[in-house]
Amino acid sequence: MAVHVLGLIELQDPAAFEKYRAQVGATVEQYGGRIAQRGVRGEIFWNELQCKPFSAYVQLEFPTATDAQRWAASPEYLALVPIRNQAMQLTLFSMLPSA
């Protein structure tokens, strides 16, 4: 069953973000995933969980939860973390369907 991974992004350095963005897609594809959607945040209707501000999002799709976990822990992706940390603050989580 396909697993989606959602990233909430608060940009900090646009130049670093472009460098990260140019490389991250290949790491996702290497583990069977794809970038399903990306965009900017629209209106927030409620924030009862008091989430930190974010300005953009990305939604990834992987064939299985194992593929998503392998990607997130992969040496290819971890090599991009220093660039990512300069580019943005990120909350990244998988979304599992309810039974």
PDB file of N, CA and C in Angstrom:
ATOM      1  N   MET A   1       0.837  -1.179   0.000  1.00  0.00           N
ATOM      2  CA  MET A   1       0.000   0.000   0.000  1.00  0.00           C
ATOM      3  C   MET A   1       0.885   1.246   0.000  1.00  0.00           C
ATOM      4  N   ALA A   2       0.552   2.203  -0.842  1.00  0.00           N
ATOM      5  CA  ALA A   2       1.329   3.435  -0.937  1.00  0.00           C
ATOM      6  C   ALA A   2       1.281   4.209   0.375  1.00  0.00           C
ATOM      7  N   VAL A   3       2.403   4.806   0.685  1.00  0.00           N
ATOM      8  CA  VAL A   3       2.532   5.626   1.892  1.00  0.00           C
ATOM      9  C   VAL A   3       2.914   7.033   1.465  1.00  0.00           C
ATOM     10  N   HIS A   4       2.250   8.013   2.058  1.00  0.00           N
ATOM     11  CA  HIS A   4       2.548   9.405   1.769  1.00  0.00           C
ATOM     12  C   HIS A   4       3.357   9.992   2.916  1.00  0.00           C
ATOM     13  N   VAL A   5       4.284  10.851   2.567  1.00  0.00           N
ATOM     14  CA  VAL A   5       5.114  11.566   3.528  1.00  0.00           C
ATOM     15  C   VAL A   5       4.855  13.049   3.292  1.00  0.00           C
ATOM     16  N   LEU A   6       4.529  13.745   4.356  1.00  0.00           N
ATOM     17  CA  LEU A   6       4.223  15.172   4.254  1.00  0.00           C
ATOM     18  C   LEU A   6       5.301  15.976   4.961  1.00  0.00           C
ATOM     19  N   GLY A   7       5.799  17.008   4.300  1.00  0.00           N
ATOM     20  CA  GLY A   7       6.775  17.911   4.882  1.00  0.00           C
ATOM     21  C   GLY A   7       6.193  19.303   4.998  1.00  0.00           C
ATOM     22  N   LEU A   8       6.252  19.873   6.186  1.00  0.00           N
ATOM     23  CA  LEU A   8       5.856  21.256   6.431  1.00  0.00           C
ATOM     24  C   LEU A   8       7.135  22.066   6.495  1.00  0.00           C
ATOM     25  N   ILE A   9       7.241  23.091   5.702  1.00  0.00           N
ATOM     26  CA  ILE A   9       8.506  23.786   5.459  1.00  0.00           C
ATOM     27  C   ILE A   9       8.394  25.259   5.819  1.00  0.00           C
ATOM     28  N   GLU A  10       9.376  25.747   6.570  1.00  0.00           N
ATOM     29  CA  GLU A  10       9.528  27.190   6.780  1.00  0.00           C
ATOM     30  C   GLU A  10      10.886  27.567   6.192  1.00  0.00           C
ATOM     31  N   LEU A  11      10.856  28.259   5.052  1.00  0.00           N
ATOM     32  CA  LEU A  11      12.090  28.611   4.347  1.00  0.00           C
ATOM     33  C   LEU A  11      12.907  29.613   5.141  1.00  0.00           C
ATOM     34  N   GLN A  12      14.238  29.423   5.105  1.00  0.00           N
ATOM     35  CA  GLN A  12      15.159  30.332   5.775  1.00  0.00           C
ATOM     36  C   GLN A  12      16.175  30.925   4.805  1.00  0.00           C
ATOM     37  N   ASP A  13      16.587  30.143   3.809  1.00  0.00           N
ATOM     38  CA  ASP A  13      17.632  30.579   2.885  1.00  0.00           C
ATOM     39  C   ASP A  13      17.243  30.106   1.483  1.00  0.00           C
ATOM     40  N   PRO A  14      16.697  30.995   0.644  1.00  0.00           N
ATOM     41  CA  PRO A  14      16.231  30.583  -0.682  1.00  0.00           C
ATOM     42  C   PRO A  14      17.318  29.964  -1.564  1.00  0.00           C
ATOM     43  N   ALA A  15      18.540  30.456  -1.500  1.00  0.00           N
ATOM     44  CA  ALA A  15      19.615  29.896  -2.332  1.00  0.00           C
ATOM     45  C   ALA A  15      19.936  28.472  -1.896  1.00  0.00           C
ATOM     46  N   ALA A  16      20.011  28.231  -0.587  1.00  0.00           N
ATOM     47  CA  ALA A  16      20.260  26.881  -0.087  1.00  0.00           C
ATOM     48  C   ALA A  16      19.086  25.970  -0.432  1.00  0.00           C
ATOM     49  N   PHE A  17      17.865  26.520  -0.387  1.00  0.00           N
ATOM     50  CA  PHE A  17      16.694  25.722  -0.730  1.00  0.00           C
ATOM     51  C   PHE A  17      16.762  25.253  -2.170  1.00  0.00           C
ATOM     52  N   GLU A  18      17.153  26.126  -3.084  1.00  0.00           N
ATOM     53  CA  GLU A  18      17.254  25.730  -4.495  1.00  0.00           C
ATOM     54  C   GLU A  18      18.312  24.647  -4.684  1.00  0.00           C
ATOM     55  N   LYS A  19      19.405  24.735  -3.953  1.00  0.00           N
ATOM     56  CA  LYS A  19      20.449  23.706  -4.019  1.00  0.00           C
ATOM     57  C   LYS A  19      19.897  22.370  -3.508  1.00  0.00           C
ATOM     58  N   TYR A  20      19.184  22.396  -2.399  1.00  0.00           N
ATOM     59  CA  TYR A  20      18.569  21.192  -1.830  1.00  0.00           C
ATOM     60  C   TYR A  20      17.524  20.631  -2.791  1.00  0.00           C
ATOM     61  N   ARG A  21      16.662  21.477  -3.275  1.00  0.00           N
ATOM     62  CA  ARG A  21      15.563  21.050  -4.153  1.00  0.00           C
ATOM     63  C   ARG A  21      16.086  20.414  -5.435  1.00  0.00           C
ATOM     64  N   ALA A  22      17.210  20.901  -5.942  1.00  0.00           N
ATOM     65  CA  ALA A  22      17.793  20.354  -7.166  1.00  0.00           C
ATOM     66  C   ALA A  22      18.300  18.922  -6.979  1.00  0.00           C
ATOM     67  N   GLN A  23      18.548  18.522  -5.735  1.00  0.00           N
ATOM     68  CA  GLN A  23      19.136  17.206  -5.474  1.00  0.00           C
ATOM     69  C   GLN A  23      18.192  16.214  -4.801  1.00  0.00           C
ATOM     70  N   VAL A  24      17.214  16.681  -4.052  1.00  0.00           N
ATOM     71  CA  VAL A  24      16.423  15.782  -3.213  1.00  0.00           C
ATOM     72  C   VAL A  24      15.542  14.840  -4.033  1.00  0.00           C
ATOM     73  N   GLY A  25      15.020  15.298  -5.168  1.00  0.00           N
ATOM     74  CA  GLY A  25      14.147  14.450  -5.975  1.00  0.00           C
ATOM     75  C   GLY A  25      14.798  13.151  -6.403  1.00  0.00           C
ATOM     76  N   ALA A  26      16.075  13.202  -6.758  1.00  0.00           N
ATOM     77  CA  ALA A  26      16.787  11.990  -7.173  1.00  0.00           C
ATOM     78  C   ALA A  26      16.892  10.997  -6.020  1.00  0.00           C
ATOM     79  N   THR A  27      17.029  11.489  -4.788  1.00  0.00           N
ATOM     80  CA  THR A  27      17.111  10.560  -3.656  1.00  0.00           C
ATOM     81  C   THR A  27      15.759   9.897  -3.416  1.00  0.00           C
ATOM     82  N   VAL A  28      14.677  10.638  -3.587  1.00  0.00           N
ATOM     83  CA  VAL A  28      13.329  10.079  -3.432  1.00  0.00           C
ATOM     84  C   VAL A  28      13.109   8.987  -4.478  1.00  0.00           C
ATOM     85  N   GLU A  29      13.433   9.281  -5.732  1.00  0.00           N
ATOM     86  CA  GLU A  29      13.242   8.327  -6.826  1.00  0.00           C
ATOM     87  C   GLU A  29      14.089   7.068  -6.635  1.00  0.00           C
ATOM     88  N   GLN A  30      15.272   7.217  -6.083  1.00  0.00           N
ATOM     89  CA  GLN A  30      16.158   6.070  -5.863  1.00  0.00           C
ATOM     90  C   GLN A  30      15.515   5.030  -4.943  1.00  0.00           C
ATOM     91  N   TYR A  31      14.609   5.463  -4.084  1.00  0.00           N
ATOM     92  CA  TYR A  31      13.943   4.550  -3.142  1.00  0.00           C
ATOM     93  C   TYR A  31      12.491   4.285  -3.546  1.00  0.00           C
ATOM     94  N   GLY A  32      12.193   4.468  -4.831  1.00  0.00           N
ATOM     95  CA  GLY A  32      10.889   4.119  -5.365  1.00  0.00           C
ATOM     96  C   GLY A  32       9.823   5.168  -5.180  1.00  0.00           C
ATOM     97  N   GLY A  33      10.190   6.334  -4.681  1.00  0.00           N
ATOM     98  CA  GLY A  33       9.199   7.362  -4.396  1.00  0.00           C
ATOM     99  C   GLY A  33       9.094   8.392  -5.499  1.00  0.00           C
ATOM    100  N   ARG A  34       8.167   9.298  -5.279  1.00  0.00           N
ATOM    101  CA  ARG A  34       7.987  10.418  -6.199  1.00  0.00           C
ATOM    102  C   ARG A  34       7.470  11.610  -5.415  1.00  0.00           C
ATOM    103  N   ILE A  35       7.714  12.794  -5.954  1.00  0.00           N
ATOM    104  CA  ILE A  35       7.153  14.008  -5.370  1.00  0.00           C
ATOM    105  C   ILE A  35       5.748  14.137  -5.936  1.00  0.00           C
ATOM    106  N   ALA A  36       4.749  13.898  -5.097  1.00  0.00           N
ATOM    107  CA  ALA A  36       3.360  13.898  -5.541  1.00  0.00           C
ATOM    108  C   ALA A  36       2.807  15.313  -5.679  1.00  0.00           C
ATOM    109  N   GLN A  37       3.236  16.189  -4.787  1.00  0.00           N
ATOM    110  CA  GLN A  37       2.709  17.552  -4.804  1.00  0.00           C
ATOM    111  C   GLN A  37       3.624  18.451  -3.985  1.00  0.00           C
ATOM    112  N   ARG A  38       3.691  19.705  -4.380  1.00  0.00           N
ATOM    113  CA  ARG A  38       4.380  20.717  -3.572  1.00  0.00           C
ATOM    114  C   ARG A  38       3.667  22.035  -3.779  1.00  0.00           C
ATOM    115  N   GLY A  39       3.775  22.886  -2.784  1.00  0.00           N
ATOM    116  CA  GLY A  39       3.111  24.174  -2.930  1.00  0.00           C
ATOM    117  C   GLY A  39       3.325  25.058  -1.713  1.00  0.00           C
ATOM    118  N   VAL A  40       2.611  26.154  -1.694  1.00  0.00           N
ATOM    119  CA  VAL A  40       2.698  27.101  -0.582  1.00  0.00           C
ATOM    120  C   VAL A  40       1.456  26.962   0.283  1.00  0.00           C
ATOM    121  N   ARG A  41       1.610  27.311   1.537  1.00  0.00           N
ATOM    122  CA  ARG A  41       0.509  27.205   2.496  1.00  0.00           C
ATOM    123  C   ARG A  41      -0.535  28.266   2.181  1.00  0.00           C
ATOM    124  N   GLY A  42      -1.767  27.850   2.237  1.00  0.00           N
ATOM    125  CA  GLY A  42      -2.885  28.780   2.114  1.00  0.00           C
ATOM    126  C   GLY A  42      -3.323  29.225   3.503  1.00  0.00           C
ATOM    127  N   GLU A  43      -4.579  29.566   3.612  1.00  0.00           N
ATOM    128  CA  GLU A  43      -5.143  30.055   4.863  1.00  0.00           C
ATOM    129  C   GLU A  43      -5.193  28.944   5.912  1.00  0.00           C
ATOM    130  N   ILE A  44      -4.833  29.270   7.140  1.00  0.00           N
ATOM    131  CA  ILE A  44      -4.972  28.343   8.262  1.00  0.00           C
ATOM    132  C   ILE A  44      -6.314  28.637   8.919  1.00  0.00           C
ATOM    133  N   PHE A  45      -7.141  27.624   9.029  1.00  0.00           N
ATOM    134  CA  PHE A  45      -8.465  27.799   9.617  1.00  0.00           C
ATOM    135  C   PHE A  45      -8.449  27.576  11.124  1.00  0.00           C
ATOM    136  N   TRP A  46      -7.703  26.609  11.604  1.00  0.00           N
ATOM    137  CA  TRP A  46      -7.518  26.358  13.034  1.00  0.00           C
ATOM    138  C   TRP A  46      -6.083  25.921  13.256  1.00  0.00           C
ATOM    139  N   ASN A  47      -5.540  26.255  14.417  1.00  0.00           N
ATOM    140  CA  ASN A  47      -4.203  25.799  14.796  1.00  0.00           C
ATOM    141  C   ASN A  47      -4.219  25.457  16.282  1.00  0.00           C
ATOM    142  N   GLU A  48      -5.115  24.581  16.653  1.00  0.00           N
ATOM    143  CA  GLU A  48      -5.276  24.213  18.059  1.00  0.00           C
ATOM    144  C   GLU A  48      -4.077  23.451  18.605  1.00  0.00           C
ATOM    145  N   LEU A  49      -3.277  22.845  17.725  1.00  0.00           N
ATOM    146  CA  LEU A  49      -2.066  22.149  18.169  1.00  0.00           C
ATOM    147  C   LEU A  49      -0.881  23.106  18.282  1.00  0.00           C
ATOM    148  N   GLN A  50      -1.088  24.353  17.933  1.00  0.00           N
ATOM    149  CA  GLN A  50      -0.061  25.390  17.993  1.00  0.00           C
ATOM    150  C   GLN A  50       1.194  24.990  17.212  1.00  0.00           C
ATOM    151  N   CYS A  51       0.977  24.559  15.975  1.00  0.00           N
ATOM    152  CA  CYS A  51       2.091  24.223  15.093  1.00  0.00           C
ATOM    153  C   CYS A  51       2.915  25.471  14.826  1.00  0.00           C
ATOM    154  N   LYS A  52       4.222  25.270  14.698  1.00  0.00           N
ATOM    155  CA  LYS A  52       5.085  26.385  14.326  1.00  0.00           C
ATOM    156  C   LYS A  52       4.712  26.862  12.924  1.00  0.00           C
ATOM    157  N   PRO A  53       4.984  28.102  12.609  1.00  0.00           N
ATOM    158  CA  PRO A  53       4.652  28.614  11.280  1.00  0.00           C
ATOM    159  C   PRO A  53       5.375  27.839  10.170  1.00  0.00           C
ATOM    160  N   PHE A  54       4.699  27.662   9.064  1.00  0.00           N
ATOM    161  CA  PHE A  54       5.321  27.096   7.872  1.00  0.00           C
ATOM    162  C   PHE A  54       4.730  27.799   6.660  1.00  0.00           C
ATOM    163  N   SER A  55       5.525  27.885   5.599  1.00  0.00           N
ATOM    164  CA  SER A  55       5.106  28.639   4.427  1.00  0.00           C
ATOM    165  C   SER A  55       4.906  27.770   3.193  1.00  0.00           C
ATOM    166  N   ALA A  56       5.377  26.531   3.240  1.00  0.00           N
ATOM    167  CA  ALA A  56       5.283  25.654   2.075  1.00  0.00           C
ATOM    168  C   ALA A  56       5.138  24.212   2.546  1.00  0.00           C
ATOM    169  N   TYR A  57       4.827  23.339   1.608  1.00  0.00           N
ATOM    170  CA  TYR A  57       4.707  21.920   1.931  1.00  0.00           C
ATOM    171  C   TYR A  57       5.164  21.090   0.743  1.00  0.00           C
ATOM    172  N   VAL A  58       5.469  19.833   1.026  1.00  0.00           N
ATOM    173  CA  VAL A  58       5.757  18.848  -0.009  1.00  0.00           C
ATOM    174  C   VAL A  58       5.090  17.543   0.401  1.00  0.00           C
ATOM    175  N   GLN A  59       4.562  16.826  -0.569  1.00  0.00           N
ATOM    176  CA  GLN A  59       3.974  15.518  -0.317  1.00  0.00           C
ATOM    177  C   GLN A  59       4.694  14.512  -1.203  1.00  0.00           C
ATOM    178  N   LEU A  60       5.288  13.528  -0.569  1.00  0.00           N
ATOM    179  CA  LEU A  60       5.983  12.455  -1.272  1.00  0.00           C
ATOM    180  C   LEU A  60       5.123  11.206  -1.228  1.00  0.00           C
ATOM    181  N   GLU A  61       5.325  10.316  -2.183  1.00  0.00           N
ATOM    182  CA  GLU A  61       4.623   9.039  -2.178  1.00  0.00           C
ATOM    183  C   GLU A  61       5.635   7.927  -2.406  1.00  0.00           C
ATOM    184  N   PHE A  62       5.581   6.900  -1.567  1.00  0.00           N
ATOM    185  CA  PHE A  62       6.437   5.724  -1.675  1.00  0.00           C
ATOM    186  C   PHE A  62       5.559   4.490  -1.778  1.00  0.00           C
ATOM    187  N   PRO A  63       6.053   3.432  -2.437  1.00  0.00           N
ATOM    188  CA  PRO A  63       5.258   2.209  -2.561  1.00  0.00           C
ATOM    189  C   PRO A  63       4.883   1.589  -1.212  1.00  0.00           C
ATOM    190  N   THR A  64       5.796   1.653  -0.242  1.00  0.00           N
ATOM    191  CA  THR A  64       5.550   1.051   1.075  1.00  0.00           C
ATOM    192  C   THR A  64       6.154   1.921   2.168  1.00  0.00           C
ATOM    193  N   ALA A  65       5.735   1.672   3.401  1.00  0.00           N
ATOM    194  CA  ALA A  65       6.313   2.376   4.551  1.00  0.00           C
ATOM    195  C   ALA A  65       7.801   2.068   4.665  1.00  0.00           C
ATOM    196  N   THR A  66       8.183   0.845   4.350  1.00  0.00           N
ATOM    197  CA  THR A  66       9.601   0.467   4.410  1.00  0.00           C
ATOM    198  C   THR A  66      10.422   1.291   3.432  1.00  0.00           C
ATOM    199  N   ASP A  67       9.892   1.521   2.227  1.00  0.00           N
ATOM    200  CA  ASP A  67      10.612   2.350   1.252  1.00  0.00           C
ATOM    201  C   ASP A  67      10.793   3.774   1.771  1.00  0.00           C
ATOM    202  N   ALA A  68       9.745   4.322   2.392  1.00  0.00           N
ATOM    203  CA  ALA A  68       9.836   5.675   2.950  1.00  0.00           C
ATOM    204  C   ALA A  68      10.871   5.733   4.060  1.00  0.00           C
ATOM    205  N   GLN A  69      10.884   4.737   4.931  1.00  0.00           N
ATOM    206  CA  GLN A  69      11.853   4.696   6.031  1.00  0.00           C
ATOM    207  C   GLN A  69      13.273   4.538   5.506  1.00  0.00           C
ATOM    208  N   ARG A  70      13.446   3.697   4.500  1.00  0.00           N
ATOM    209  CA  ARG A  70      14.777   3.508   3.908  1.00  0.00           C
ATOM    210  C   ARG A  70      15.280   4.809   3.295  1.00  0.00           C
ATOM    211  N   TRP A  71      14.394   5.539   2.609  1.00  0.00           N
ATOM    212  CA  TRP A  71      14.788   6.823   2.028  1.00  0.00           C
ATOM    213  C   TRP A  71      15.205   7.803   3.118  1.00  0.00           C
ATOM    214  N   ALA A  72      14.376   7.957   4.154  1.00  0.00           N
ATOM    215  CA  ALA A  72      14.650   8.951   5.199  1.00  0.00           C
ATOM    216  C   ALA A  72      15.963   8.685   5.923  1.00  0.00           C
ATOM    217  N   ALA A  73      16.360   7.419   6.003  1.00  0.00           N
ATOM    218  CA  ALA A  73      17.600   7.046   6.697  1.00  0.00           C
ATOM    219  C   ALA A  73      18.753   6.775   5.731  1.00  0.00           C
ATOM    220  N   SER A  74      18.542   7.009   4.445  1.00  0.00           N
ATOM    221  CA  SER A  74      19.549   6.653   3.438  1.00  0.00           C
ATOM    222  C   SER A  74      20.760   7.581   3.491  1.00  0.00           C
ATOM    223  N   PRO A  75      21.925   7.050   3.128  1.00  0.00           N
ATOM    224  CA  PRO A  75      23.113   7.912   3.071  1.00  0.00           C
ATOM    225  C   PRO A  75      22.962   9.026   2.035  1.00  0.00           C
ATOM    226  N   GLU A  76      22.220   8.763   0.966  1.00  0.00           N
ATOM    227  CA  GLU A  76      22.024   9.777  -0.069  1.00  0.00           C
ATOM    228  C   GLU A  76      21.228  10.965   0.481  1.00  0.00           C
ATOM    229  N   TYR A  77      20.158  10.674   1.225  1.00  0.00           N
ATOM    230  CA  TYR A  77      19.367  11.760   1.787  1.00  0.00           C
ATOM    231  C   TYR A  77      20.090  12.429   2.954  1.00  0.00           C
ATOM    232  N   LEU A  78      20.700  11.637   3.818  1.00  0.00           N
ATOM    233  CA  LEU A  78      21.396  12.212   4.973  1.00  0.00           C
ATOM    234  C   LEU A  78      22.529  13.143   4.546  1.00  0.00           C
ATOM    235  N   ALA A  79      23.098  12.904   3.367  1.00  0.00           N
ATOM    236  CA  ALA A  79      24.146  13.797   2.856  1.00  0.00           C
ATOM    237  C   ALA A  79      23.590  15.192   2.560  1.00  0.00           C
ATOM    238  N   LEU A  80      22.277  15.294   2.322  1.00  0.00           N
ATOM    239  CA  LEU A  80      21.645  16.584   2.032  1.00  0.00           C
ATOM    240  C   LEU A  80      21.187  17.325   3.287  1.00  0.00           C
ATOM    241  N   VAL A  81      21.206  16.678   4.435  1.00  0.00           N
ATOM    242  CA  VAL A  81      20.685  17.295   5.662  1.00  0.00           C
ATOM    243  C   VAL A  81      21.399  18.603   6.014  1.00  0.00           C
ATOM    244  N   PRO A  82      22.713  18.716   5.886  1.00  0.00           N
ATOM    245  CA  PRO A  82      23.337  20.019   6.188  1.00  0.00           C
ATOM    246  C   PRO A  82      22.809  21.149   5.297  1.00  0.00           C
ATOM    247  N   ILE A  83      22.589  20.869   4.015  1.00  0.00           N
ATOM    248  CA  ILE A  83      22.020  21.879   3.117  1.00  0.00           C
ATOM    249  C   ILE A  83      20.579  22.171   3.537  1.00  0.00           C
ATOM    250  N   ARG A  84      19.822  21.097   3.834  1.00  0.00           N
ATOM    251  CA  ARG A  84      18.431  21.263   4.269  1.00  0.00           C
ATOM    252  C   ARG A  84      18.345  22.125   5.515  1.00  0.00           C
ATOM    253  N   ASN A  85      19.244  21.866   6.477  1.00  0.00           N
ATOM    254  CA  ASN A  85      19.211  22.633   7.728  1.00  0.00           C
ATOM    255  C   ASN A  85      19.493  24.115   7.507  1.00  0.00           C
ATOM    256  N   GLN A  86      20.291  24.432   6.516  1.00  0.00           N
ATOM    257  CA  GLN A  86      20.545  25.830   6.178  1.00  0.00           C
ATOM    258  C   GLN A  86      19.338  26.423   5.452  1.00  0.00           C
ATOM    259  N   ALA A  87      18.690  25.618   4.623  1.00  0.00           N
ATOM    260  CA  ALA A  87      17.614  26.100   3.763  1.00  0.00           C
ATOM    261  C   ALA A  87      16.304  26.321   4.489  1.00  0.00           C
ATOM    262  N   MET A  88      16.017  25.479   5.503  1.00  0.00           N
ATOM    263  CA  MET A  88      14.664  25.479   6.059  1.00  0.00           C
ATOM    264  C   MET A  88      14.610  24.842   7.424  1.00  0.00           C
ATOM    265  N   GLN A  89      13.483  25.054   8.088  1.00  0.00           N
ATOM    266  CA  GLN A  89      13.074  24.224   9.208  1.00  0.00           C
ATOM    267  C   GLN A  89      12.013  23.301   8.635  1.00  0.00           C
ATOM    268  N   LEU A  90      12.022  22.033   9.047  1.00  0.00           N
ATOM    269  CA  LEU A  90      11.179  21.018   8.429  1.00  0.00           C
ATOM    270  C   LEU A  90      10.537  20.124   9.465  1.00  0.00           C
ATOM    271  N   THR A  91       9.260  19.861   9.297  1.00  0.00           N
ATOM    272  CA  THR A  91       8.573  18.788  10.009  1.00  0.00           C
ATOM    273  C   THR A  91       8.183  17.787   8.929  1.00  0.00           C
ATOM    274  N   LEU A  92       8.630  16.541   9.081  1.00  0.00           N
ATOM    275  CA  LEU A  92       8.421  15.517   8.056  1.00  0.00           C
ATOM    276  C   LEU A  92       7.796  14.302   8.726  1.00  0.00           C
ATOM    277  N   PHE A  93       6.666  13.844   8.201  1.00  0.00           N
ATOM    278  CA  PHE A  93       6.010  12.679   8.824  1.00  0.00           C
ATOM    279  C   PHE A  93       5.273  11.878   7.765  1.00  0.00           C
ATOM    280  N   SER A  94       5.107  10.581   8.051  1.00  0.00           N
ATOM    281  CA  SER A  94       4.341   9.721   7.148  1.00  0.00           C
ATOM    282  C   SER A  94       2.879   9.767   7.553  1.00  0.00           C
ATOM    283  N   MET A  95       2.038   9.547   6.570  1.00  0.00           N
ATOM    284  CA  MET A  95       0.592   9.531   6.785  1.00  0.00           C
ATOM    285  C   MET A  95       0.102   8.128   6.473  1.00  0.00           C
ATOM    286  N   LEU A  96      -0.454   7.465   7.469  1.00  0.00           N
ATOM    287  CA  LEU A  96      -0.927   6.108   7.300  1.00  0.00           C
ATOM    288  C   LEU A  96      -2.445   6.093   7.267  1.00  0.00           C
ATOM    289  N   PRO A  97      -3.039   5.334   6.354  1.00  0.00           N
ATOM    290  CA  PRO A  97      -4.496   5.282   6.311  1.00  0.00           C
ATOM    291  C   PRO A  97      -5.053   4.627   7.570  1.00  0.00           C
ATOM    292  N   SER A  98      -6.187   5.100   8.016  1.00  0.00           N
ATOM    293  CA  SER A  98      -6.816   4.491   9.188  1.00  0.00           C
ATOM    294  C   SER A  98      -7.578   3.255   8.766  1.00  0.00           C
ATOM    295  N   ALA A  99      -7.730   2.355   9.707  1.00  0.00           N
ATOM    296  CA  ALA A  99      -8.429   1.091   9.411  1.00  0.00           C
ATOM    297  C   ALA A  99      -9.912   1.276   9.445  1.00  0.00           C
TER     298      ALA A  99
END
